[in-house]
Amino acid sequence: MVPPQDGADTARTEGTLRITEKCVLLDSPGETMLLYWPADRAAWDPATRTITFTNFDSTIVTVASGDQVVLGGSGDNGSESGTSGQGWVTRTTWVAPPGASCPLDSRWAVGAVAKD
C-alpha cells in the first residue's frame, strides 16, 4: 500500500486477481503484475482474504483471489521505466511494502476496481 493519492491515471487493464501471503497480483495473458493500492481507499480483510476498494465515484467493490477484474490506474515495468524492481521499491514511499518474494518487474497502481 502507498500513501493516499489525490487522483489516479485512467489507463485500463484486466485479468485474474491472485492474492498470496505476501503479494497481490494481476495475471493476464503473458504477464503478471504486482498491484499496489492507495491506503485511504483499500482495506484488507485477513479473515476473508478479500480487498475492499472504494472507487472515486463512491462505489465499493470487494474482490478475492480468482476474481476476474478490470482495473483503472497506471502501470509500468523495468524495461519501460529503466528502473529495476528493487530500485522502484526503494524510491517509492510505502505504507506497507510488497514482500521480498513478490515479482517486481511489472507493477500497476490501482486507481479503480470493477469485477468483470
N, C-alpha and C. Protein backbone atom coordinates (compact mmCIF):
# COMPACT_ATOMS: atom_id res chain seq x y z
N MET A 1 0.84 -1.18 0.00
CA MET A 1 0.00 0.00 0.00
C MET A 1 0.88 1.23 0.00
N VAL A 2 0.38 2.24 -0.68
CA VAL A 2 1.08 3.51 -0.74
C VAL A 2 0.20 4.57 -0.06
N PRO A 3 0.79 5.71 0.30
CA PRO A 3 0.00 6.76 0.94
C PRO A 3 -1.15 7.21 0.05
N PRO A 4 -2.16 7.88 0.63
CA PRO A 4 -3.30 8.36 -0.16
C PRO A 4 -2.85 9.19 -1.36
N GLN A 5 -3.62 9.06 -2.44
CA GLN A 5 -3.34 9.78 -3.67
C GLN A 5 -4.49 10.73 -3.98
N ASP A 6 -4.17 11.87 -4.59
CA ASP A 6 -5.21 12.84 -4.93
C ASP A 6 -6.03 12.43 -6.14
N GLY A 7 -5.53 11.55 -6.95
CA GLY A 7 -6.22 11.13 -8.16
C GLY A 7 -5.57 9.86 -8.67
N ALA A 8 -5.98 9.46 -9.86
CA ALA A 8 -5.43 8.25 -10.45
C ALA A 8 -5.41 8.41 -11.97
N ASP A 9 -4.46 7.75 -12.60
CA ASP A 9 -4.44 7.71 -14.05
C ASP A 9 -5.62 6.88 -14.54
N THR A 10 -5.90 6.97 -15.83
CA THR A 10 -7.10 6.33 -16.35
C THR A 10 -6.82 5.21 -17.35
N ALA A 11 -5.62 4.67 -17.34
CA ALA A 11 -5.36 3.50 -18.17
C ALA A 11 -6.18 2.33 -17.64
N ARG A 12 -6.29 1.27 -18.43
CA ARG A 12 -7.13 0.13 -18.07
C ARG A 12 -6.36 -1.15 -18.31
N THR A 13 -6.55 -2.10 -17.41
CA THR A 13 -6.04 -3.45 -17.61
C THR A 13 -7.05 -4.42 -17.00
N GLU A 14 -6.93 -5.67 -17.35
CA GLU A 14 -7.84 -6.66 -16.78
C GLU A 14 -7.16 -8.01 -16.70
N GLY A 15 -7.71 -8.85 -15.85
CA GLY A 15 -7.16 -10.18 -15.68
C GLY A 15 -7.74 -10.83 -14.44
N THR A 16 -7.01 -11.81 -13.93
CA THR A 16 -7.44 -12.57 -12.76
C THR A 16 -6.63 -12.12 -11.55
N LEU A 17 -7.32 -11.76 -10.49
CA LEU A 17 -6.67 -11.36 -9.25
C LEU A 17 -6.10 -12.58 -8.56
N ARG A 18 -4.87 -12.45 -8.08
CA ARG A 18 -4.24 -13.54 -7.31
C ARG A 18 -3.65 -12.94 -6.04
N ILE A 19 -4.14 -13.41 -4.91
CA ILE A 19 -3.68 -12.92 -3.61
C ILE A 19 -2.88 -14.03 -2.96
N THR A 20 -1.61 -13.73 -2.64
CA THR A 20 -0.77 -14.69 -1.94
C THR A 20 -0.53 -14.18 -0.53
N GLU A 21 0.30 -14.86 0.21
CA GLU A 21 0.60 -14.41 1.58
C GLU A 21 1.31 -13.06 1.60
N LYS A 22 2.07 -12.74 0.57
CA LYS A 22 2.89 -11.53 0.55
C LYS A 22 2.57 -10.56 -0.58
N CYS A 23 1.81 -10.98 -1.59
CA CYS A 23 1.63 -10.17 -2.80
C CYS A 23 0.18 -10.17 -3.25
N VAL A 24 -0.20 -9.10 -3.94
CA VAL A 24 -1.46 -9.07 -4.67
C VAL A 24 -1.08 -8.85 -6.13
N LEU A 25 -1.50 -9.78 -6.98
CA LEU A 25 -1.06 -9.80 -8.37
C LEU A 25 -2.24 -9.82 -9.32
N LEU A 26 -1.98 -9.36 -10.54
CA LEU A 26 -2.96 -9.48 -11.61
C LEU A 26 -2.32 -10.36 -12.67
N ASP A 27 -2.96 -11.49 -12.95
CA ASP A 27 -2.50 -12.38 -14.01
C ASP A 27 -3.31 -12.11 -15.26
N SER A 28 -2.63 -11.72 -16.33
CA SER A 28 -3.26 -11.56 -17.63
C SER A 28 -2.42 -12.31 -18.63
N PRO A 29 -2.95 -12.58 -19.81
CA PRO A 29 -2.19 -13.38 -20.78
C PRO A 29 -0.78 -12.82 -20.99
N GLY A 30 0.21 -13.64 -20.69
CA GLY A 30 1.60 -13.27 -20.93
C GLY A 30 2.23 -12.35 -19.91
N GLU A 31 1.50 -11.98 -18.84
CA GLU A 31 2.08 -11.03 -17.89
C GLU A 31 1.47 -11.21 -16.50
N THR A 32 2.30 -11.03 -15.50
CA THR A 32 1.86 -10.96 -14.12
C THR A 32 2.34 -9.62 -13.58
N MET A 33 1.42 -8.85 -13.01
CA MET A 33 1.77 -7.54 -12.46
C MET A 33 1.51 -7.50 -10.96
N LEU A 34 2.44 -6.89 -10.24
CA LEU A 34 2.24 -6.59 -8.83
C LEU A 34 1.29 -5.41 -8.75
N LEU A 35 0.26 -5.52 -7.94
CA LEU A 35 -0.69 -4.42 -7.75
C LEU A 35 -0.34 -3.68 -6.47
N TYR A 36 -0.39 -2.35 -6.54
CA TYR A 36 -0.23 -1.57 -5.32
C TYR A 36 -1.38 -0.59 -5.21
N TRP A 37 -1.83 -0.38 -3.99
CA TRP A 37 -3.12 0.21 -3.69
C TRP A 37 -2.98 1.46 -2.83
N PRO A 38 -3.83 2.48 -3.04
CA PRO A 38 -3.81 3.65 -2.15
C PRO A 38 -4.43 3.28 -0.80
N ALA A 39 -3.72 3.59 0.27
CA ALA A 39 -4.12 3.15 1.61
C ALA A 39 -5.46 3.73 2.06
N ASP A 40 -5.84 4.89 1.56
CA ASP A 40 -7.08 5.50 2.00
C ASP A 40 -8.32 4.93 1.31
N ARG A 41 -8.13 4.10 0.28
CA ARG A 41 -9.29 3.57 -0.45
C ARG A 41 -9.32 2.06 -0.52
N ALA A 42 -8.33 1.39 0.07
CA ALA A 42 -8.28 -0.08 0.03
C ALA A 42 -8.17 -0.63 1.45
N ALA A 43 -8.90 -1.70 1.70
CA ALA A 43 -8.85 -2.35 3.02
C ALA A 43 -8.72 -3.85 2.82
N TRP A 44 -7.79 -4.45 3.55
CA TRP A 44 -7.55 -5.89 3.52
C TRP A 44 -8.27 -6.54 4.68
N ASP A 45 -9.01 -7.60 4.42
CA ASP A 45 -9.66 -8.38 5.47
C ASP A 45 -8.99 -9.74 5.52
N PRO A 46 -8.11 -9.96 6.51
CA PRO A 46 -7.39 -11.23 6.56
C PRO A 46 -8.29 -12.43 6.83
N ALA A 47 -9.41 -12.22 7.50
CA ALA A 47 -10.31 -13.35 7.81
C ALA A 47 -10.95 -13.91 6.53
N THR A 48 -11.33 -13.04 5.61
CA THR A 48 -11.96 -13.49 4.36
C THR A 48 -11.00 -13.45 3.18
N ARG A 49 -9.78 -12.92 3.41
CA ARG A 49 -8.77 -12.76 2.37
C ARG A 49 -9.32 -11.98 1.18
N THR A 50 -10.01 -10.88 1.50
CA THR A 50 -10.58 -10.03 0.46
C THR A 50 -10.04 -8.61 0.59
N ILE A 51 -10.13 -7.89 -0.51
CA ILE A 51 -9.78 -6.47 -0.54
C ILE A 51 -11.05 -5.71 -0.89
N THR A 52 -11.37 -4.71 -0.08
CA THR A 52 -12.50 -3.83 -0.37
C THR A 52 -11.93 -2.50 -0.83
N PHE A 53 -12.39 -2.04 -1.99
CA PHE A 53 -11.85 -0.83 -2.61
C PHE A 53 -12.97 0.17 -2.85
N THR A 54 -12.73 1.43 -2.50
CA THR A 54 -13.68 2.49 -2.76
C THR A 54 -13.21 3.28 -3.97
N ASN A 55 -14.01 3.24 -5.03
CA ASN A 55 -13.69 3.98 -6.24
C ASN A 55 -13.98 5.47 -6.03
N PHE A 56 -13.42 6.32 -6.90
CA PHE A 56 -13.65 7.76 -6.78
C PHE A 56 -15.13 8.14 -6.93
N ASP A 57 -15.92 7.30 -7.62
CA ASP A 57 -17.35 7.59 -7.75
C ASP A 57 -18.15 7.06 -6.56
N SER A 58 -17.46 6.65 -5.50
CA SER A 58 -18.03 6.15 -4.24
C SER A 58 -18.56 4.73 -4.31
N THR A 59 -18.46 4.04 -5.46
CA THR A 59 -18.85 2.64 -5.48
C THR A 59 -17.80 1.83 -4.71
N ILE A 60 -18.26 0.81 -4.05
CA ILE A 60 -17.39 -0.04 -3.23
C ILE A 60 -17.41 -1.44 -3.83
N VAL A 61 -16.23 -1.98 -4.05
CA VAL A 61 -16.09 -3.30 -4.66
C VAL A 61 -15.22 -4.16 -3.75
N THR A 62 -15.68 -5.37 -3.48
CA THR A 62 -14.88 -6.32 -2.71
C THR A 62 -14.45 -7.45 -3.64
N VAL A 63 -13.14 -7.72 -3.65
CA VAL A 63 -12.59 -8.72 -4.55
C VAL A 63 -11.77 -9.74 -3.77
N ALA A 64 -11.66 -10.93 -4.36
CA ALA A 64 -10.91 -12.02 -3.75
C ALA A 64 -10.06 -12.70 -4.82
N SER A 65 -9.14 -13.50 -4.38
CA SER A 65 -8.29 -14.24 -5.30
C SER A 65 -9.16 -15.08 -6.23
N GLY A 66 -8.83 -15.04 -7.52
CA GLY A 66 -9.59 -15.78 -8.52
C GLY A 66 -10.64 -14.94 -9.24
N ASP A 67 -10.96 -13.76 -8.71
CA ASP A 67 -11.94 -12.89 -9.37
C ASP A 67 -11.37 -12.33 -10.66
N GLN A 68 -12.23 -12.24 -11.67
CA GLN A 68 -11.89 -11.53 -12.91
C GLN A 68 -12.17 -10.06 -12.65
N VAL A 69 -11.16 -9.20 -12.85
CA VAL A 69 -11.31 -7.79 -12.53
C VAL A 69 -10.86 -6.91 -13.69
N VAL A 70 -11.40 -5.71 -13.71
CA VAL A 70 -10.96 -4.64 -14.60
C VAL A 70 -10.43 -3.55 -13.69
N LEU A 71 -9.20 -3.10 -13.96
CA LEU A 71 -8.57 -2.09 -13.11
C LEU A 71 -8.28 -0.83 -13.90
N GLY A 72 -8.55 0.30 -13.28
CA GLY A 72 -8.09 1.57 -13.79
C GLY A 72 -6.81 1.93 -13.05
N GLY A 73 -6.08 2.88 -13.59
CA GLY A 73 -4.85 3.31 -12.93
C GLY A 73 -3.74 3.45 -13.94
N SER A 74 -2.55 3.01 -13.56
CA SER A 74 -1.42 3.06 -14.49
C SER A 74 -0.39 2.02 -14.09
N GLY A 75 0.40 1.63 -15.06
CA GLY A 75 1.42 0.64 -14.79
C GLY A 75 2.68 0.90 -15.58
N ASP A 76 3.71 0.20 -15.20
CA ASP A 76 4.95 0.22 -15.95
C ASP A 76 5.73 -1.03 -15.63
N ASN A 77 6.88 -1.15 -16.26
CA ASN A 77 7.77 -2.26 -15.95
C ASN A 77 9.20 -1.76 -16.06
N GLY A 78 10.13 -2.59 -15.66
CA GLY A 78 11.53 -2.20 -15.66
C GLY A 78 12.05 -1.79 -17.02
N SER A 79 11.58 -2.46 -18.08
CA SER A 79 12.03 -2.13 -19.43
C SER A 79 11.54 -0.74 -19.85
N GLU A 80 10.29 -0.41 -19.54
CA GLU A 80 9.73 0.90 -19.91
C GLU A 80 10.34 2.03 -19.10
N SER A 81 10.47 1.82 -17.80
CA SER A 81 10.90 2.90 -16.91
C SER A 81 12.41 2.98 -16.76
N GLY A 82 13.09 1.89 -17.08
CA GLY A 82 14.53 1.86 -16.87
C GLY A 82 14.91 1.69 -15.41
N THR A 83 13.91 1.37 -14.57
CA THR A 83 14.15 1.19 -13.14
C THR A 83 13.90 -0.26 -12.77
N SER A 84 14.86 -0.89 -12.13
CA SER A 84 14.69 -2.27 -11.70
C SER A 84 13.57 -2.35 -10.66
N GLY A 85 13.06 -3.55 -10.46
CA GLY A 85 12.02 -3.73 -9.45
C GLY A 85 12.47 -3.28 -8.08
N GLN A 86 13.68 -3.64 -7.68
CA GLN A 86 14.18 -3.23 -6.36
C GLN A 86 14.39 -1.73 -6.30
N GLY A 87 14.87 -1.13 -7.40
CA GLY A 87 15.02 0.32 -7.45
C GLY A 87 13.69 1.03 -7.30
N TRP A 88 12.66 0.48 -7.93
CA TRP A 88 11.31 1.04 -7.82
C TRP A 88 10.81 0.96 -6.38
N VAL A 89 11.01 -0.18 -5.72
CA VAL A 89 10.58 -0.33 -4.33
C VAL A 89 11.30 0.69 -3.45
N THR A 90 12.58 0.85 -3.67
CA THR A 90 13.39 1.77 -2.86
C THR A 90 12.94 3.22 -3.02
N ARG A 91 12.59 3.63 -4.22
CA ARG A 91 12.23 5.04 -4.45
C ARG A 91 10.77 5.36 -4.14
N THR A 92 9.95 4.34 -3.91
CA THR A 92 8.52 4.54 -3.64
C THR A 92 8.29 4.68 -2.14
N THR A 93 7.41 5.61 -1.75
CA THR A 93 7.01 5.75 -0.36
C THR A 93 5.90 4.73 -0.10
N TRP A 94 6.07 3.94 0.95
CA TRP A 94 5.14 2.84 1.24
C TRP A 94 4.47 3.01 2.59
N VAL A 95 3.23 2.58 2.69
CA VAL A 95 2.57 2.34 3.97
C VAL A 95 2.91 0.91 4.38
N ALA A 96 2.83 -0.02 3.42
CA ALA A 96 3.23 -1.41 3.60
C ALA A 96 3.85 -1.87 2.29
N PRO A 97 5.16 -2.11 2.27
CA PRO A 97 5.83 -2.51 1.02
C PRO A 97 5.49 -3.94 0.62
N PRO A 98 5.70 -4.27 -0.65
CA PRO A 98 5.48 -5.66 -1.08
C PRO A 98 6.52 -6.58 -0.45
N GLY A 99 6.17 -7.83 -0.32
CA GLY A 99 7.11 -8.81 0.22
C GLY A 99 8.30 -9.00 -0.70
N ALA A 100 9.42 -9.41 -0.13
CA ALA A 100 10.65 -9.58 -0.89
C ALA A 100 10.51 -10.63 -1.99
N SER A 101 9.59 -11.58 -1.83
CA SER A 101 9.42 -12.63 -2.83
C SER A 101 8.47 -12.24 -3.96
N CYS A 102 7.85 -11.06 -3.88
CA CYS A 102 6.90 -10.64 -4.92
C CYS A 102 7.62 -10.29 -6.21
N PRO A 103 7.01 -10.62 -7.36
CA PRO A 103 7.60 -10.18 -8.63
C PRO A 103 7.46 -8.66 -8.74
N LEU A 104 8.55 -7.99 -9.08
CA LEU A 104 8.55 -6.52 -9.05
C LEU A 104 8.73 -5.88 -10.41
N ASP A 105 8.97 -6.66 -11.45
CA ASP A 105 9.30 -6.02 -12.73
C ASP A 105 8.10 -5.31 -13.35
N SER A 106 6.92 -5.90 -13.32
CA SER A 106 5.71 -5.25 -13.84
C SER A 106 4.83 -4.89 -12.66
N ARG A 107 4.36 -3.65 -12.64
CA ARG A 107 3.56 -3.18 -11.49
C ARG A 107 2.46 -2.25 -11.98
N TRP A 108 1.39 -2.20 -11.18
CA TRP A 108 0.20 -1.43 -11.53
C TRP A 108 -0.29 -0.67 -10.31
N ALA A 109 -0.43 0.65 -10.44
CA ALA A 109 -1.02 1.48 -9.39
C ALA A 109 -2.52 1.46 -9.57
N VAL A 110 -3.23 0.84 -8.64
CA VAL A 110 -4.68 0.67 -8.74
C VAL A 110 -5.36 2.01 -8.47
N GLY A 111 -6.21 2.42 -9.42
CA GLY A 111 -6.97 3.64 -9.28
C GLY A 111 -8.47 3.42 -9.31
N ALA A 112 -8.90 2.26 -9.83
CA ALA A 112 -10.32 1.91 -9.89
C ALA A 112 -10.42 0.40 -10.00
N VAL A 113 -11.51 -0.16 -9.48
CA VAL A 113 -11.70 -1.61 -9.49
C VAL A 113 -13.14 -1.92 -9.89
N ALA A 114 -13.31 -2.87 -10.80
CA ALA A 114 -14.63 -3.42 -11.14
C ALA A 114 -14.46 -4.90 -11.36
N LYS A 115 -15.50 -5.66 -11.03
CA LYS A 115 -15.49 -7.09 -11.33
C LYS A 115 -15.93 -7.25 -12.78
N ASP A 116 -15.28 -8.17 -13.47
CA ASP A 116 -15.61 -8.40 -14.88
C ASP A 116 -16.69 -9.46 -14.99
